């Protein structure tokens, strides 16, 4: 299974957040949504989670 990456730098932010979250898709979406709520004051919703899902990238292999 390919791990996914959510990179806060890819989204507009007033805080210039640089957090990157890597893991399996469902856990990355969950963690990124929690981060968006607690740090960026977003409301957790299906739309937020879908927006996060759309920005995910595959983790680049170090091989």
N, C-alpha and C. Protein backbone atom coordinates (compact mmCIF):
# COMPACT_ATOMS: atom_id res chain seq x y z
N UNK A 1 0.84 -1.18 0.00
CA UNK A 1 0.00 0.00 0.00
C UNK A 1 0.88 1.24 0.00
N UNK A 2 0.58 2.18 -0.86
CA UNK A 2 1.33 3.43 -0.94
C UNK A 2 0.91 4.37 0.18
N UNK A 3 1.89 4.87 0.91
CA UNK A 3 1.60 5.84 1.95
C UNK A 3 1.29 7.18 1.31
N UNK A 4 0.47 7.98 2.00
CA UNK A 4 0.05 9.28 1.51
C UNK A 4 0.68 10.39 2.34
N UNK A 5 0.78 11.57 1.72
CA UNK A 5 1.37 12.74 2.37
C UNK A 5 0.39 13.90 2.28
N UNK A 6 0.13 14.54 3.42
CA UNK A 6 -0.62 15.81 3.46
C UNK A 6 0.38 16.87 3.90
N UNK A 7 0.55 17.89 3.07
CA UNK A 7 1.53 18.94 3.34
C UNK A 7 0.80 20.27 3.47
N UNK A 8 0.82 20.83 4.66
CA UNK A 8 0.11 22.08 4.94
C UNK A 8 0.60 23.24 4.07
N UNK A 9 1.81 23.15 3.60
CA UNK A 9 2.36 24.23 2.76
C UNK A 9 1.65 24.33 1.42
N UNK A 10 0.90 23.30 1.03
CA UNK A 10 0.20 23.32 -0.26
C UNK A 10 -1.12 24.08 -0.19
N UNK A 11 -1.55 24.45 1.02
CA UNK A 11 -2.82 25.14 1.19
C UNK A 11 -2.58 26.55 1.72
N UNK A 12 -3.43 27.50 1.33
CA UNK A 12 -3.27 28.86 1.85
C UNK A 12 -3.42 28.88 3.37
N UNK A 13 -2.55 29.63 4.04
CA UNK A 13 -2.59 29.67 5.49
C UNK A 13 -2.06 31.00 5.99
N UNK A 14 -2.73 31.55 6.98
CA UNK A 14 -2.27 32.80 7.59
C UNK A 14 -1.08 32.55 8.52
N UNK A 15 -0.85 31.30 8.90
CA UNK A 15 0.20 31.00 9.86
C UNK A 15 1.47 30.45 9.22
N UNK A 16 1.50 30.36 7.89
CA UNK A 16 2.66 29.77 7.19
C UNK A 16 3.03 28.42 7.79
N UNK A 17 2.04 27.60 8.01
CA UNK A 17 2.22 26.29 8.62
C UNK A 17 3.05 25.40 7.71
N UNK A 18 3.96 24.63 8.31
CA UNK A 18 4.83 23.76 7.53
C UNK A 18 4.67 22.28 7.87
N UNK A 19 3.59 21.93 8.58
CA UNK A 19 3.39 20.55 8.99
C UNK A 19 3.19 19.63 7.80
N UNK A 20 3.81 18.46 7.85
CA UNK A 20 3.61 17.40 6.87
C UNK A 20 3.22 16.14 7.62
N UNK A 21 2.17 15.47 7.16
CA UNK A 21 1.68 14.25 7.79
C UNK A 21 1.78 13.12 6.77
N UNK A 22 2.35 12.00 7.17
CA UNK A 22 2.54 10.86 6.27
C UNK A 22 2.01 9.60 6.93
N UNK A 23 1.33 8.76 6.15
CA UNK A 23 0.83 7.49 6.65
C UNK A 23 -0.19 6.91 5.69
N UNK A 24 -0.97 5.96 6.17
CA UNK A 24 -2.03 5.40 5.35
C UNK A 24 -3.12 6.45 5.16
N UNK A 25 -3.80 6.42 4.03
CA UNK A 25 -4.72 7.47 3.65
C UNK A 25 -5.72 7.85 4.75
N UNK A 26 -6.40 6.88 5.32
CA UNK A 26 -7.42 7.20 6.33
C UNK A 26 -6.83 7.87 7.56
N UNK A 27 -5.65 7.42 8.01
CA UNK A 27 -5.06 8.03 9.19
C UNK A 27 -4.51 9.42 8.90
N UNK A 28 -4.03 9.65 7.68
CA UNK A 28 -3.56 10.98 7.31
C UNK A 28 -4.73 11.95 7.25
N UNK A 29 -5.83 11.54 6.66
CA UNK A 29 -7.00 12.41 6.58
C UNK A 29 -7.51 12.74 7.98
N UNK A 30 -7.59 11.75 8.84
CA UNK A 30 -8.04 11.98 10.22
C UNK A 30 -7.12 12.96 10.94
N UNK A 31 -5.81 12.74 10.86
CA UNK A 31 -4.86 13.61 11.55
C UNK A 31 -4.85 15.02 10.95
N UNK A 32 -4.94 15.11 9.63
CA UNK A 32 -4.94 16.42 8.98
C UNK A 32 -6.21 17.20 9.33
N UNK A 33 -7.34 16.51 9.43
CA UNK A 33 -8.59 17.18 9.81
C UNK A 33 -8.49 17.69 11.25
N UNK A 34 -7.94 16.87 12.15
CA UNK A 34 -7.77 17.30 13.53
C UNK A 34 -6.84 18.51 13.61
N UNK A 35 -5.78 18.50 12.81
CA UNK A 35 -4.85 19.63 12.76
C UNK A 35 -5.55 20.88 12.22
N UNK A 36 -6.33 20.73 11.15
CA UNK A 36 -7.03 21.86 10.55
C UNK A 36 -7.99 22.51 11.54
N UNK A 37 -8.63 21.69 12.37
CA UNK A 37 -9.57 22.21 13.37
C UNK A 37 -8.81 22.89 14.51
N UNK A 38 -7.81 22.20 15.07
CA UNK A 38 -7.15 22.71 16.26
C UNK A 38 -6.20 23.88 16.00
N UNK A 39 -5.57 23.91 14.82
CA UNK A 39 -4.58 24.95 14.54
C UNK A 39 -5.14 26.04 13.64
N UNK A 40 -5.93 25.65 12.65
CA UNK A 40 -6.39 26.61 11.64
C UNK A 40 -7.86 27.01 11.82
N UNK A 41 -8.50 26.55 12.89
CA UNK A 41 -9.87 26.89 13.24
C UNK A 41 -10.91 26.56 12.15
N UNK A 42 -10.65 25.51 11.37
CA UNK A 42 -11.66 25.04 10.41
C UNK A 42 -12.70 24.21 11.17
N UNK A 43 -13.86 24.04 10.57
CA UNK A 43 -14.89 23.15 11.10
C UNK A 43 -14.68 21.78 10.47
N UNK A 44 -14.67 20.73 11.31
CA UNK A 44 -14.55 19.38 10.77
C UNK A 44 -15.85 19.03 10.06
N UNK A 45 -15.74 18.59 8.84
CA UNK A 45 -16.92 18.26 8.04
C UNK A 45 -16.51 17.30 6.93
N UNK A 46 -17.47 16.64 6.33
CA UNK A 46 -17.15 15.80 5.17
C UNK A 46 -16.48 16.61 4.05
N UNK A 47 -16.88 17.87 3.87
CA UNK A 47 -16.28 18.70 2.82
C UNK A 47 -14.81 18.98 3.12
N UNK A 48 -14.47 19.25 4.38
CA UNK A 48 -13.08 19.47 4.76
C UNK A 48 -12.26 18.22 4.49
N UNK A 49 -12.77 17.08 4.90
CA UNK A 49 -12.04 15.83 4.70
C UNK A 49 -11.87 15.50 3.22
N UNK A 50 -12.85 15.85 2.41
CA UNK A 50 -12.73 15.63 0.96
C UNK A 50 -11.69 16.58 0.37
N UNK A 51 -11.65 17.81 0.85
CA UNK A 51 -10.63 18.76 0.38
C UNK A 51 -9.23 18.24 0.73
N UNK A 52 -9.09 17.71 1.93
CA UNK A 52 -7.81 17.13 2.34
C UNK A 52 -7.46 15.95 1.43
N UNK A 53 -8.43 15.06 1.21
CA UNK A 53 -8.20 13.88 0.36
C UNK A 53 -7.70 14.31 -1.03
N UNK A 54 -8.27 15.37 -1.58
CA UNK A 54 -7.90 15.82 -2.92
C UNK A 54 -6.48 16.37 -2.99
N UNK A 55 -5.93 16.81 -1.84
CA UNK A 55 -4.57 17.37 -1.85
C UNK A 55 -3.50 16.33 -1.52
N UNK A 56 -3.90 15.11 -1.16
CA UNK A 56 -2.92 14.10 -0.80
C UNK A 56 -2.05 13.72 -1.99
N UNK A 57 -0.80 13.44 -1.68
CA UNK A 57 0.13 12.95 -2.69
C UNK A 57 0.69 11.62 -2.22
N UNK A 58 1.17 10.83 -3.16
CA UNK A 58 1.85 9.59 -2.80
C UNK A 58 3.20 9.95 -2.20
N UNK A 59 3.61 9.19 -1.19
CA UNK A 59 4.93 9.39 -0.60
C UNK A 59 5.98 8.97 -1.63
N UNK A 60 6.99 9.79 -1.76
CA UNK A 60 8.07 9.45 -2.69
C UNK A 60 8.97 8.39 -2.05
N UNK A 61 9.32 7.41 -2.83
CA UNK A 61 10.18 6.33 -2.36
C UNK A 61 11.61 6.82 -2.22
N UNK A 62 12.28 6.33 -1.18
CA UNK A 62 13.69 6.68 -0.97
C UNK A 62 14.63 5.69 -1.66
N UNK A 63 14.07 4.79 -2.42
CA UNK A 63 14.89 3.76 -3.08
C UNK A 63 15.58 4.28 -4.31
